[in-house]
N, C-alpha and C. Protein backbone atom coordinates (compact mmCIF):
# COMPACT_ATOMS: atom_id res chain seq x y z
N UNK A 1 -16.82 -2.01 1.27
CA UNK A 1 -15.64 -1.70 2.05
C UNK A 1 -15.04 -2.97 2.67
N UNK A 2 -15.87 -3.82 3.23
CA UNK A 2 -15.40 -4.98 3.96
C UNK A 2 -14.63 -5.97 3.08
N UNK A 3 -14.93 -5.98 1.77
CA UNK A 3 -14.33 -6.99 0.89
C UNK A 3 -13.04 -6.50 0.22
N UNK A 4 -12.71 -5.24 0.37
CA UNK A 4 -11.47 -4.71 -0.21
C UNK A 4 -10.28 -5.44 0.42
N UNK A 5 -9.29 -5.78 -0.39
CA UNK A 5 -8.15 -6.56 0.09
C UNK A 5 -6.91 -5.70 0.32
N UNK A 6 -6.17 -6.08 1.31
CA UNK A 6 -4.90 -5.43 1.64
C UNK A 6 -3.93 -6.54 2.05
N UNK A 7 -2.83 -6.64 1.37
CA UNK A 7 -1.84 -7.69 1.64
C UNK A 7 -2.46 -9.08 1.60
N UNK A 8 -3.41 -9.29 0.68
CA UNK A 8 -4.00 -10.61 0.50
C UNK A 8 -5.10 -10.98 1.48
N UNK A 9 -5.52 -10.06 2.33
CA UNK A 9 -6.59 -10.34 3.30
C UNK A 9 -7.64 -9.25 3.20
N UNK A 10 -8.91 -9.63 3.27
CA UNK A 10 -9.96 -8.61 3.17
C UNK A 10 -10.02 -7.78 4.45
N UNK A 11 -10.56 -6.56 4.30
CA UNK A 11 -10.62 -5.62 5.42
C UNK A 11 -11.44 -6.15 6.59
N UNK A 12 -12.47 -6.92 6.31
CA UNK A 12 -13.28 -7.48 7.39
C UNK A 12 -12.41 -8.32 8.33
N UNK A 13 -11.58 -9.20 7.76
CA UNK A 13 -10.71 -10.05 8.59
C UNK A 13 -9.61 -9.23 9.28
N UNK A 14 -9.07 -8.23 8.58
CA UNK A 14 -8.03 -7.39 9.19
C UNK A 14 -8.58 -6.58 10.36
N UNK A 15 -9.75 -5.98 10.17
CA UNK A 15 -10.34 -5.17 11.25
C UNK A 15 -10.76 -6.07 12.41
N UNK A 16 -11.33 -7.23 12.10
CA UNK A 16 -11.70 -8.18 13.16
C UNK A 16 -10.48 -8.61 13.95
N UNK A 17 -9.39 -8.92 13.24
CA UNK A 17 -8.15 -9.32 13.91
C UNK A 17 -7.61 -8.17 14.77
N UNK A 18 -7.69 -6.94 14.26
CA UNK A 18 -7.26 -5.76 15.02
C UNK A 18 -8.02 -5.69 16.35
N UNK A 19 -9.33 -5.87 16.30
CA UNK A 19 -10.15 -5.82 17.52
C UNK A 19 -9.75 -6.93 18.48
N UNK A 20 -9.61 -8.15 17.97
CA UNK A 20 -9.27 -9.29 18.83
C UNK A 20 -7.89 -9.10 19.46
N UNK A 21 -6.90 -8.70 18.66
CA UNK A 21 -5.56 -8.49 19.20
C UNK A 21 -5.51 -7.33 20.19
N UNK A 22 -6.32 -6.30 19.96
CA UNK A 22 -6.37 -5.17 20.89
C UNK A 22 -6.90 -5.62 22.25
N UNK A 23 -7.90 -6.50 22.23
CA UNK A 23 -8.46 -7.02 23.48
C UNK A 23 -7.49 -7.99 24.14
N UNK A 24 -6.90 -8.89 23.34
CA UNK A 24 -5.92 -9.84 23.90
C UNK A 24 -4.71 -9.11 24.48
N UNK A 25 -4.22 -8.09 23.76
CA UNK A 25 -3.07 -7.32 24.25
C UNK A 25 -3.38 -6.63 25.56
N UNK A 26 -4.58 -6.03 25.64
CA UNK A 26 -4.99 -5.39 26.90
C UNK A 26 -5.01 -6.42 28.03
N UNK A 27 -5.60 -7.58 27.75
CA UNK A 27 -5.73 -8.62 28.77
C UNK A 27 -4.35 -9.09 29.26
N UNK A 28 -3.46 -9.42 28.33
CA UNK A 28 -2.13 -9.93 28.71
C UNK A 28 -1.37 -8.88 29.51
N UNK A 29 -1.36 -7.63 29.02
CA UNK A 29 -0.61 -6.60 29.73
C UNK A 29 -1.25 -6.25 31.07
N UNK A 30 -2.56 -6.20 31.13
CA UNK A 30 -3.22 -5.88 32.40
C UNK A 30 -3.00 -6.97 33.44
N UNK A 31 -3.05 -8.22 33.03
CA UNK A 31 -2.79 -9.32 33.97
C UNK A 31 -1.34 -9.25 34.45
N UNK A 32 -0.41 -9.08 33.51
CA UNK A 32 1.02 -9.00 33.87
C UNK A 32 1.28 -7.84 34.84
N UNK A 33 0.75 -6.65 34.51
CA UNK A 33 0.99 -5.49 35.37
C UNK A 33 0.24 -5.61 36.70
N UNK A 34 -0.92 -6.27 36.70
CA UNK A 34 -1.63 -6.49 37.97
C UNK A 34 -0.82 -7.39 38.88
N UNK A 35 -0.17 -8.40 38.32
CA UNK A 35 0.69 -9.28 39.11
C UNK A 35 1.91 -8.51 39.62
N UNK A 36 2.52 -7.70 38.75
CA UNK A 36 3.69 -6.91 39.16
C UNK A 36 3.34 -5.89 40.24
N UNK A 37 2.19 -5.23 40.09
CA UNK A 37 1.78 -4.18 41.03
C UNK A 37 1.05 -4.71 42.25
N UNK A 38 0.68 -6.01 42.20
CA UNK A 38 -0.07 -6.65 43.27
C UNK A 38 -1.41 -5.97 43.53
N UNK A 39 -1.98 -5.42 42.46
CA UNK A 39 -3.32 -4.84 42.50
C UNK A 39 -3.84 -4.79 41.07
N UNK A 40 -5.16 -4.74 40.91
CA UNK A 40 -5.77 -4.71 39.58
C UNK A 40 -5.30 -3.45 38.86
N UNK A 41 -4.77 -3.63 37.65
CA UNK A 41 -4.23 -2.52 36.88
C UNK A 41 -4.79 -2.55 35.47
N UNK A 42 -5.45 -1.46 35.07
CA UNK A 42 -5.93 -1.32 33.69
C UNK A 42 -4.83 -0.66 32.89
N UNK A 43 -4.30 -1.35 31.89
CA UNK A 43 -3.19 -0.82 31.12
C UNK A 43 -3.62 -0.11 29.84
N UNK A 44 -4.90 0.07 29.67
CA UNK A 44 -5.35 0.76 28.48
C UNK A 44 -5.55 2.24 28.72
N UNK A 45 -5.61 3.00 27.65
CA UNK A 45 -5.89 4.43 27.73
C UNK A 45 -7.37 4.65 28.03
N UNK A 46 -8.20 3.80 27.49
CA UNK A 46 -9.65 3.93 27.69
C UNK A 46 -10.08 3.04 28.85
N UNK A 47 -11.35 3.19 29.25
CA UNK A 47 -11.84 2.40 30.38
C UNK A 47 -12.07 0.94 30.00
N UNK A 48 -12.45 0.72 28.75
CA UNK A 48 -12.75 -0.64 28.30
C UNK A 48 -11.50 -1.47 28.05
N UNK A 49 -11.71 -2.77 27.85
CA UNK A 49 -10.57 -3.69 27.65
C UNK A 49 -10.04 -3.64 26.22
N UNK A 50 -9.29 -2.58 25.91
CA UNK A 50 -8.86 -2.38 24.53
C UNK A 50 -7.56 -1.59 24.51
N UNK A 51 -6.52 -2.15 23.88
CA UNK A 51 -5.25 -1.45 23.64
C UNK A 51 -4.97 -1.48 22.15
N UNK A 52 -5.33 -0.42 21.42
CA UNK A 52 -5.16 -0.44 19.97
C UNK A 52 -3.72 -0.60 19.51
N UNK A 53 -2.77 -0.22 20.33
CA UNK A 53 -1.37 -0.38 19.93
C UNK A 53 -1.04 -1.86 19.70
N UNK A 54 -1.64 -2.75 20.49
CA UNK A 54 -1.41 -4.18 20.30
C UNK A 54 -2.14 -4.70 19.06
N UNK A 55 -3.34 -4.20 18.83
CA UNK A 55 -4.07 -4.61 17.63
C UNK A 55 -3.35 -4.19 16.37
N UNK A 56 -2.92 -2.93 16.35
CA UNK A 56 -2.20 -2.41 15.20
C UNK A 56 -0.87 -3.15 15.02
N UNK A 57 -0.14 -3.29 16.11
CA UNK A 57 1.16 -3.97 16.05
C UNK A 57 1.05 -5.41 15.59
N UNK A 58 0.06 -6.13 16.09
CA UNK A 58 -0.10 -7.54 15.72
C UNK A 58 -0.49 -7.70 14.26
N UNK A 59 -1.45 -6.89 13.80
CA UNK A 59 -1.91 -7.02 12.41
C UNK A 59 -0.82 -6.60 11.43
N UNK A 60 -0.23 -5.44 11.65
CA UNK A 60 0.83 -4.98 10.75
C UNK A 60 2.05 -5.90 10.86
N UNK A 61 2.37 -6.30 12.09
CA UNK A 61 3.49 -7.22 12.29
C UNK A 61 3.29 -8.53 11.55
N UNK A 62 2.08 -9.07 11.61
CA UNK A 62 1.80 -10.31 10.88
C UNK A 62 1.96 -10.11 9.38
N UNK A 63 1.39 -9.02 8.85
CA UNK A 63 1.47 -8.77 7.41
C UNK A 63 2.92 -8.64 6.95
N UNK A 64 3.74 -7.97 7.75
CA UNK A 64 5.14 -7.76 7.38
C UNK A 64 5.98 -9.01 7.60
N UNK A 65 5.71 -9.72 8.70
CA UNK A 65 6.59 -10.82 9.11
C UNK A 65 6.19 -12.20 8.64
N UNK A 66 4.95 -12.39 8.17
CA UNK A 66 4.54 -13.76 7.82
C UNK A 66 5.39 -14.40 6.71
N UNK A 67 6.03 -13.63 5.81
CA UNK A 67 6.92 -14.29 4.85
C UNK A 67 8.13 -14.98 5.53
N UNK A 68 8.42 -14.60 6.77
CA UNK A 68 9.55 -15.19 7.50
C UNK A 68 9.13 -16.37 8.38
N UNK A 69 7.90 -16.82 8.25
CA UNK A 69 7.37 -17.87 9.13
C UNK A 69 8.21 -19.14 9.11
N UNK A 70 8.87 -19.42 8.01
CA UNK A 70 9.67 -20.64 7.90
C UNK A 70 11.04 -20.55 8.54
N UNK A 71 11.48 -19.36 8.94
CA UNK A 71 12.80 -19.18 9.54
C UNK A 71 12.64 -18.51 10.91
N UNK A 72 12.65 -19.32 11.96
CA UNK A 72 12.38 -18.80 13.31
C UNK A 72 13.38 -17.74 13.75
N UNK A 73 14.65 -17.91 13.43
CA UNK A 73 15.66 -16.94 13.85
C UNK A 73 15.41 -15.58 13.20
N UNK A 74 15.20 -15.58 11.89
CA UNK A 74 14.91 -14.32 11.19
C UNK A 74 13.61 -13.69 11.71
N UNK A 75 12.60 -14.51 11.91
CA UNK A 75 11.33 -14.03 12.42
C UNK A 75 11.51 -13.39 13.79
N UNK A 76 12.27 -14.04 14.66
CA UNK A 76 12.50 -13.53 16.01
C UNK A 76 13.26 -12.20 15.97
N UNK A 77 14.33 -12.15 15.21
CA UNK A 77 15.15 -10.93 15.16
C UNK A 77 14.37 -9.78 14.54
N UNK A 78 13.74 -10.02 13.39
CA UNK A 78 12.97 -8.96 12.74
C UNK A 78 11.79 -8.51 13.61
N UNK A 79 11.12 -9.46 14.24
CA UNK A 79 10.01 -9.12 15.13
C UNK A 79 10.47 -8.26 16.29
N UNK A 80 11.61 -8.59 16.87
CA UNK A 80 12.17 -7.82 17.99
C UNK A 80 12.50 -6.40 17.56
N UNK A 81 13.18 -6.27 16.44
CA UNK A 81 13.64 -4.96 15.97
C UNK A 81 12.46 -4.08 15.54
N UNK A 82 11.56 -4.63 14.75
CA UNK A 82 10.43 -3.85 14.25
C UNK A 82 9.52 -3.40 15.39
N UNK A 83 9.21 -4.29 16.32
CA UNK A 83 8.32 -3.93 17.43
C UNK A 83 8.98 -2.91 18.36
N UNK A 84 10.28 -3.04 18.58
CA UNK A 84 10.98 -2.07 19.43
C UNK A 84 10.99 -0.70 18.76
N UNK A 85 11.21 -0.68 17.47
CA UNK A 85 11.18 0.59 16.73
C UNK A 85 9.78 1.21 16.80
N UNK A 86 8.74 0.38 16.66
CA UNK A 86 7.36 0.84 16.76
C UNK A 86 7.08 1.39 18.16
N UNK A 87 7.59 0.71 19.18
CA UNK A 87 7.41 1.18 20.57
C UNK A 87 8.10 2.53 20.76
N UNK A 88 9.28 2.68 20.19
CA UNK A 88 10.02 3.94 20.28
C UNK A 88 9.25 5.07 19.59
N UNK A 89 8.75 4.81 18.38
CA UNK A 89 7.97 5.83 17.66
C UNK A 89 6.70 6.21 18.41
N UNK A 90 6.03 5.22 18.97
CA UNK A 90 4.82 5.47 19.74
C UNK A 90 5.12 6.34 20.95
N UNK A 91 6.21 6.04 21.64
CA UNK A 91 6.60 6.83 22.82
C UNK A 91 6.91 8.27 22.43
N UNK A 92 7.62 8.46 21.32
CA UNK A 92 7.94 9.83 20.87
C UNK A 92 6.66 10.59 20.51
N UNK A 93 5.72 9.92 19.86
CA UNK A 93 4.45 10.55 19.51
C UNK A 93 3.66 10.91 20.77
N UNK A 94 3.64 10.01 21.74
CA UNK A 94 2.93 10.29 23.00
C UNK A 94 3.56 11.47 23.73
N UNK A 95 4.89 11.54 23.70
CA UNK A 95 5.55 12.66 24.35
C UNK A 95 5.16 13.98 23.71
N UNK A 96 5.04 13.98 22.40
CA UNK A 96 4.64 15.21 21.70
C UNK A 96 3.18 15.57 21.97
N UNK A 97 2.30 14.55 21.94
CA UNK A 97 0.87 14.82 22.11
C UNK A 97 0.46 15.07 23.55
N UNK A 98 0.98 14.26 24.48
CA UNK A 98 0.51 14.31 25.86
C UNK A 98 1.57 14.76 26.87
N UNK A 99 2.80 14.89 26.41
CA UNK A 99 3.87 15.32 27.31
C UNK A 99 4.38 14.22 28.22
N UNK A 100 3.94 12.98 27.99
CA UNK A 100 4.38 11.85 28.80
C UNK A 100 4.18 10.54 28.05
N UNK A 101 4.82 9.51 28.54
CA UNK A 101 4.67 8.16 28.00
C UNK A 101 4.00 7.34 29.09
N UNK A 102 3.10 6.45 28.71
CA UNK A 102 2.29 5.71 29.68
C UNK A 102 2.94 4.42 30.13
N UNK A 103 4.24 4.29 29.93
CA UNK A 103 4.99 3.17 30.50
C UNK A 103 6.36 3.69 30.88
N UNK A 104 7.03 2.96 31.75
CA UNK A 104 8.33 3.42 32.25
C UNK A 104 9.24 2.22 32.47
N UNK A 105 10.30 2.15 31.68
CA UNK A 105 11.27 1.07 31.80
C UNK A 105 12.54 1.50 32.53
N UNK A 106 12.50 2.61 33.23
CA UNK A 106 13.71 3.11 33.89
C UNK A 106 14.30 2.11 34.89
N UNK A 107 13.46 1.26 35.48
CA UNK A 107 13.97 0.28 36.44
C UNK A 107 14.47 -1.00 35.77
N UNK A 108 14.34 -1.07 34.44
CA UNK A 108 14.78 -2.26 33.71
C UNK A 108 16.22 -2.06 33.22
N UNK A 109 17.01 -3.14 33.21
CA UNK A 109 18.37 -3.01 32.67
C UNK A 109 18.34 -2.79 31.16
N UNK A 110 19.36 -2.12 30.65
CA UNK A 110 19.52 -1.86 29.23
C UNK A 110 18.31 -1.14 28.64
N UNK A 111 17.91 -0.04 29.31
CA UNK A 111 16.79 0.73 28.78
C UNK A 111 17.30 2.01 28.13
N UNK A 112 16.50 2.56 27.26
CA UNK A 112 16.81 3.84 26.63
C UNK A 112 15.74 4.84 27.04
N UNK A 113 16.13 5.78 27.88
CA UNK A 113 15.24 6.84 28.36
C UNK A 113 13.93 6.32 28.95
N UNK A 114 13.93 5.08 29.41
CA UNK A 114 12.75 4.50 30.03
C UNK A 114 11.63 4.14 29.06
N UNK A 115 11.87 4.30 27.73
CA UNK A 115 10.79 4.05 26.77
C UNK A 115 10.96 2.76 25.98
N UNK A 116 12.16 2.24 25.91
CA UNK A 116 12.39 0.90 25.37
C UNK A 116 13.42 0.22 26.25
N UNK A 117 13.40 -1.11 26.26
CA UNK A 117 14.37 -1.84 27.06
C UNK A 117 14.62 -3.21 26.45
N UNK A 118 15.71 -3.83 26.86
CA UNK A 118 16.08 -5.14 26.33
C UNK A 118 15.04 -6.20 26.65
N UNK A 119 14.48 -6.17 27.85
CA UNK A 119 13.48 -7.17 28.23
C UNK A 119 12.28 -7.16 27.28
N UNK A 120 11.78 -5.98 26.97
CA UNK A 120 10.66 -5.87 26.04
C UNK A 120 11.07 -6.28 24.63
N UNK A 121 12.23 -5.87 24.22
CA UNK A 121 12.72 -6.24 22.89
C UNK A 121 12.76 -7.75 22.73
N UNK A 122 13.28 -8.44 23.73
CA UNK A 122 13.33 -9.91 23.68
C UNK A 122 11.92 -10.50 23.67
N UNK A 123 11.02 -9.90 24.42
CA UNK A 123 9.63 -10.38 24.45
C UNK A 123 8.94 -10.16 23.11
N UNK A 124 9.20 -9.02 22.46
CA UNK A 124 8.56 -8.75 21.17
C UNK A 124 8.90 -9.83 20.14
N UNK A 125 10.14 -10.30 20.15
CA UNK A 125 10.52 -11.36 19.22
C UNK A 125 9.73 -12.64 19.47
N UNK A 126 9.55 -12.96 20.73
CA UNK A 126 8.75 -14.14 21.10
C UNK A 126 7.29 -13.96 20.68
N UNK A 127 6.74 -12.77 20.91
CA UNK A 127 5.37 -12.50 20.50
C UNK A 127 5.22 -12.61 18.98
N UNK A 128 6.24 -12.16 18.24
CA UNK A 128 6.19 -12.26 16.77
C UNK A 128 6.08 -13.73 16.35
N UNK A 129 6.86 -14.59 16.97
CA UNK A 129 6.80 -16.02 16.65
C UNK A 129 5.42 -16.58 17.00
N UNK A 130 4.90 -16.24 18.17
CA UNK A 130 3.60 -16.75 18.60
C UNK A 130 2.50 -16.30 17.63
N UNK A 131 2.51 -15.02 17.27
CA UNK A 131 1.47 -14.49 16.38
C UNK A 131 1.57 -15.10 14.98
N UNK A 132 2.77 -15.08 14.40
CA UNK A 132 2.93 -15.54 13.02
C UNK A 132 2.77 -17.05 12.89
N UNK A 133 3.36 -17.79 13.80
CA UNK A 133 3.36 -19.25 13.66
C UNK A 133 2.12 -19.94 14.23
N UNK A 134 1.48 -19.35 15.25
CA UNK A 134 0.40 -20.06 15.94
C UNK A 134 -0.91 -19.28 16.05
N UNK A 135 -0.85 -18.07 16.53
CA UNK A 135 -2.05 -17.36 16.95
C UNK A 135 -2.90 -16.82 15.81
N UNK A 136 -2.28 -16.26 14.78
CA UNK A 136 -3.07 -15.61 13.74
C UNK A 136 -4.03 -16.58 13.05
N UNK A 137 -3.60 -17.78 12.82
CA UNK A 137 -4.48 -18.78 12.19
C UNK A 137 -5.72 -19.03 13.06
N UNK A 138 -5.53 -19.08 14.37
CA UNK A 138 -6.64 -19.30 15.29
C UNK A 138 -7.55 -18.07 15.38
N UNK A 139 -6.95 -16.89 15.34
CA UNK A 139 -7.75 -15.66 15.35
C UNK A 139 -8.63 -15.62 14.10
N UNK A 140 -8.06 -15.91 12.95
CA UNK A 140 -8.85 -15.90 11.70
C UNK A 140 -9.93 -17.00 11.73
N UNK A 141 -9.61 -18.14 12.31
CA UNK A 141 -10.62 -19.20 12.46
C UNK A 141 -11.77 -18.75 13.36
N UNK A 142 -11.44 -18.01 14.43
CA UNK A 142 -12.48 -17.49 15.32
C UNK A 142 -13.35 -16.48 14.59
N UNK A 143 -12.73 -15.62 13.77
CA UNK A 143 -13.48 -14.63 12.99
C UNK A 143 -14.46 -15.34 12.05
N UNK A 144 -14.06 -16.45 11.47
CA UNK A 144 -14.92 -17.19 10.55
C UNK A 144 -15.94 -18.07 11.27
N UNK A 145 -15.83 -18.19 12.58
CA UNK A 145 -16.73 -19.04 13.37
C UNK A 145 -18.14 -18.47 13.41
N UNK A 146 -18.26 -17.15 13.51
CA UNK A 146 -19.57 -16.51 13.55
C UNK A 146 -19.87 -15.89 12.19
N UNK A 147 -21.14 -15.57 11.95
CA UNK A 147 -21.54 -15.07 10.63
C UNK A 147 -20.93 -13.70 10.36
N UNK A 148 -20.76 -13.42 9.09
CA UNK A 148 -20.18 -12.14 8.67
C UNK A 148 -21.05 -10.98 9.13
N UNK A 149 -22.36 -11.13 9.05
CA UNK A 149 -23.29 -10.06 9.47
C UNK A 149 -23.12 -9.76 10.95
N UNK A 150 -23.06 -10.79 11.77
CA UNK A 150 -22.85 -10.61 13.21
C UNK A 150 -21.51 -9.92 13.46
N UNK A 151 -20.47 -10.37 12.76
CA UNK A 151 -19.15 -9.78 12.91
C UNK A 151 -19.11 -8.31 12.54
N UNK A 152 -19.73 -7.96 11.41
CA UNK A 152 -19.75 -6.55 10.98
C UNK A 152 -20.51 -5.69 11.98
N UNK A 153 -21.67 -6.17 12.44
CA UNK A 153 -22.45 -5.41 13.42
C UNK A 153 -21.68 -5.25 14.74
N UNK A 154 -21.01 -6.30 15.15
CA UNK A 154 -20.23 -6.26 16.39
C UNK A 154 -19.07 -5.27 16.27
N UNK A 155 -18.39 -5.26 15.13
CA UNK A 155 -17.30 -4.32 14.92
C UNK A 155 -17.81 -2.88 14.98
N UNK A 156 -18.94 -2.62 14.33
CA UNK A 156 -19.51 -1.27 14.36
C UNK A 156 -19.83 -0.84 15.80
N UNK A 157 -20.43 -1.74 16.56
CA UNK A 157 -20.77 -1.44 17.95
C UNK A 157 -19.51 -1.19 18.79
N UNK A 158 -18.52 -2.04 18.64
CA UNK A 158 -17.27 -1.89 19.39
C UNK A 158 -16.62 -0.55 19.07
N UNK A 159 -16.58 -0.18 17.78
CA UNK A 159 -15.94 1.09 17.41
C UNK A 159 -16.74 2.29 17.90
N UNK A 160 -18.06 2.18 17.95
CA UNK A 160 -18.87 3.27 18.49
C UNK A 160 -18.58 3.47 19.97
N UNK A 161 -18.58 2.38 20.73
CA UNK A 161 -18.28 2.46 22.16
C UNK A 161 -16.86 2.97 22.38
N UNK A 162 -15.91 2.48 21.58
CA UNK A 162 -14.52 2.93 21.71
C UNK A 162 -14.37 4.41 21.39
N UNK A 163 -15.08 4.87 20.38
CA UNK A 163 -15.00 6.29 20.01
C UNK A 163 -15.44 7.17 21.18
N UNK A 164 -16.56 6.83 21.79
CA UNK A 164 -17.06 7.61 22.93
C UNK A 164 -16.07 7.51 24.10
N UNK A 165 -15.63 6.30 24.41
CA UNK A 165 -14.68 6.07 25.50
C UNK A 165 -13.38 6.84 25.26
N UNK A 166 -12.86 6.75 24.04
CA UNK A 166 -11.60 7.43 23.70
C UNK A 166 -11.77 8.95 23.77
N UNK A 167 -12.88 9.46 23.24
CA UNK A 167 -13.11 10.91 23.26
C UNK A 167 -13.16 11.44 24.69
N UNK A 168 -13.85 10.72 25.56
CA UNK A 168 -13.94 11.15 26.97
C UNK A 168 -12.57 11.14 27.63
N UNK A 169 -11.79 10.08 27.39
CA UNK A 169 -10.47 10.00 28.01
C UNK A 169 -9.48 10.98 27.40
N UNK A 170 -9.62 11.26 26.12
CA UNK A 170 -8.75 12.24 25.48
C UNK A 170 -9.04 13.62 26.04
N UNK A 171 -10.32 13.95 26.22
CA UNK A 171 -10.68 15.23 26.83
C UNK A 171 -10.08 15.34 28.23
N UNK A 172 -10.15 14.25 28.98
CA UNK A 172 -9.59 14.25 30.34
C UNK A 172 -8.07 14.42 30.29
N UNK A 173 -7.41 13.71 29.37
CA UNK A 173 -5.95 13.79 29.26
C UNK A 173 -5.49 15.18 28.84
N UNK A 174 -6.31 15.85 28.02
CA UNK A 174 -5.96 17.20 27.55
C UNK A 174 -6.53 18.29 28.46
N UNK A 175 -7.07 17.89 29.62
CA UNK A 175 -7.62 18.81 30.62
C UNK A 175 -8.75 19.67 30.07
N UNK A 176 -9.60 19.08 29.24
CA UNK A 176 -10.77 19.78 28.73
C UNK A 176 -11.86 19.65 29.79
N UNK A 177 -12.52 20.77 30.12
CA UNK A 177 -13.59 20.71 31.11
C UNK A 177 -14.80 20.04 30.47
N UNK A 178 -15.02 18.83 30.86
CA UNK A 178 -15.99 17.98 30.21
C UNK A 178 -17.42 18.28 30.67
N UNK A 179 -17.58 18.95 31.79
CA UNK A 179 -18.93 19.25 32.29
C UNK A 179 -19.70 20.18 31.36
N UNK A 180 -19.01 21.16 30.77
CA UNK A 180 -19.71 22.11 29.89
C UNK A 180 -20.20 21.45 28.61
N UNK A 181 -19.50 20.37 28.19
CA UNK A 181 -19.92 19.66 26.98
C UNK A 181 -20.95 18.57 27.28
N UNK A 182 -21.08 18.23 28.53
CA UNK A 182 -21.96 17.12 28.90
C UNK A 182 -23.42 17.40 28.54
N UNK A 183 -23.90 18.58 28.91
CA UNK A 183 -25.30 18.91 28.63
C UNK A 183 -25.57 18.93 27.14
N UNK A 184 -24.64 19.48 26.36
CA UNK A 184 -24.81 19.49 24.90
C UNK A 184 -24.82 18.07 24.36
N UNK A 185 -23.95 17.23 24.87
CA UNK A 185 -23.88 15.83 24.41
C UNK A 185 -25.16 15.08 24.76
N UNK A 186 -25.68 15.31 25.95
CA UNK A 186 -26.92 14.65 26.37
C UNK A 186 -28.07 15.10 25.47
N UNK A 187 -28.15 16.41 25.18
CA UNK A 187 -29.19 16.92 24.28
C UNK A 187 -29.07 16.30 22.90
N UNK A 188 -27.86 16.23 22.37
CA UNK A 188 -27.65 15.63 21.05
C UNK A 188 -28.04 14.16 21.05
N UNK A 189 -27.72 13.47 22.13
CA UNK A 189 -28.09 12.05 22.24
C UNK A 189 -29.60 11.89 22.22
N UNK A 190 -30.30 12.71 22.99
CA UNK A 190 -31.76 12.62 23.03
C UNK A 190 -32.38 12.96 21.67
N UNK A 191 -31.83 13.98 21.00
CA UNK A 191 -32.30 14.31 19.65
C UNK A 191 -32.07 13.16 18.68
N UNK A 192 -30.90 12.55 18.77
CA UNK A 192 -30.57 11.40 17.92
C UNK A 192 -31.51 10.24 18.20
N UNK A 193 -31.77 9.99 19.46
CA UNK A 193 -32.59 8.85 19.85
C UNK A 193 -34.04 9.03 19.41
N UNK A 194 -34.55 10.26 19.48
CA UNK A 194 -35.93 10.49 19.05
C UNK A 194 -36.09 10.29 17.55
N UNK A 195 -35.03 10.53 16.77
CA UNK A 195 -35.10 10.30 15.33
C UNK A 195 -35.16 8.82 14.99
N UNK A 196 -34.65 7.98 15.86
CA UNK A 196 -34.61 6.54 15.58
C UNK A 196 -35.76 5.86 16.27
């Protein structure tokens, strides 16, 4: 599985980059929002430092936009438009699934229904340039810094923790009474652990 290629890059590097960008995106947005709110703010859906929307956006954005690396203006414009469209689609999906969007641009000038705004659109173009021209090469270099075995094991562990974290937060967001499932989950965990 890890060696299968997509857009000229193997899945191991794509998944590793997704994880790194998800963590970097969470960090940048949480720091920015903590400064704006003047208090520590976790901008992720889960408790851990992970925003998959940034990982997905950065990896797919790089794959789509890297042919434009030689033309900064085209890269900036396409990056701005594609990321804004992605943000709009994500907001519409969140509205359907959860009945709300987890960001609000209503106080920003030139916003559309509080889900996209000119400020973010301009920032997305800058992020596209940073990722395509500078950051992705360093992220891939970091992925190659440690052994493939360590990287694969780390990815598996991160996804296991994320799955549990996401499931718990999704249950909370959907108002599922999590106490009734807790005892069953603890029993299953103990059964699983005794087998290993």
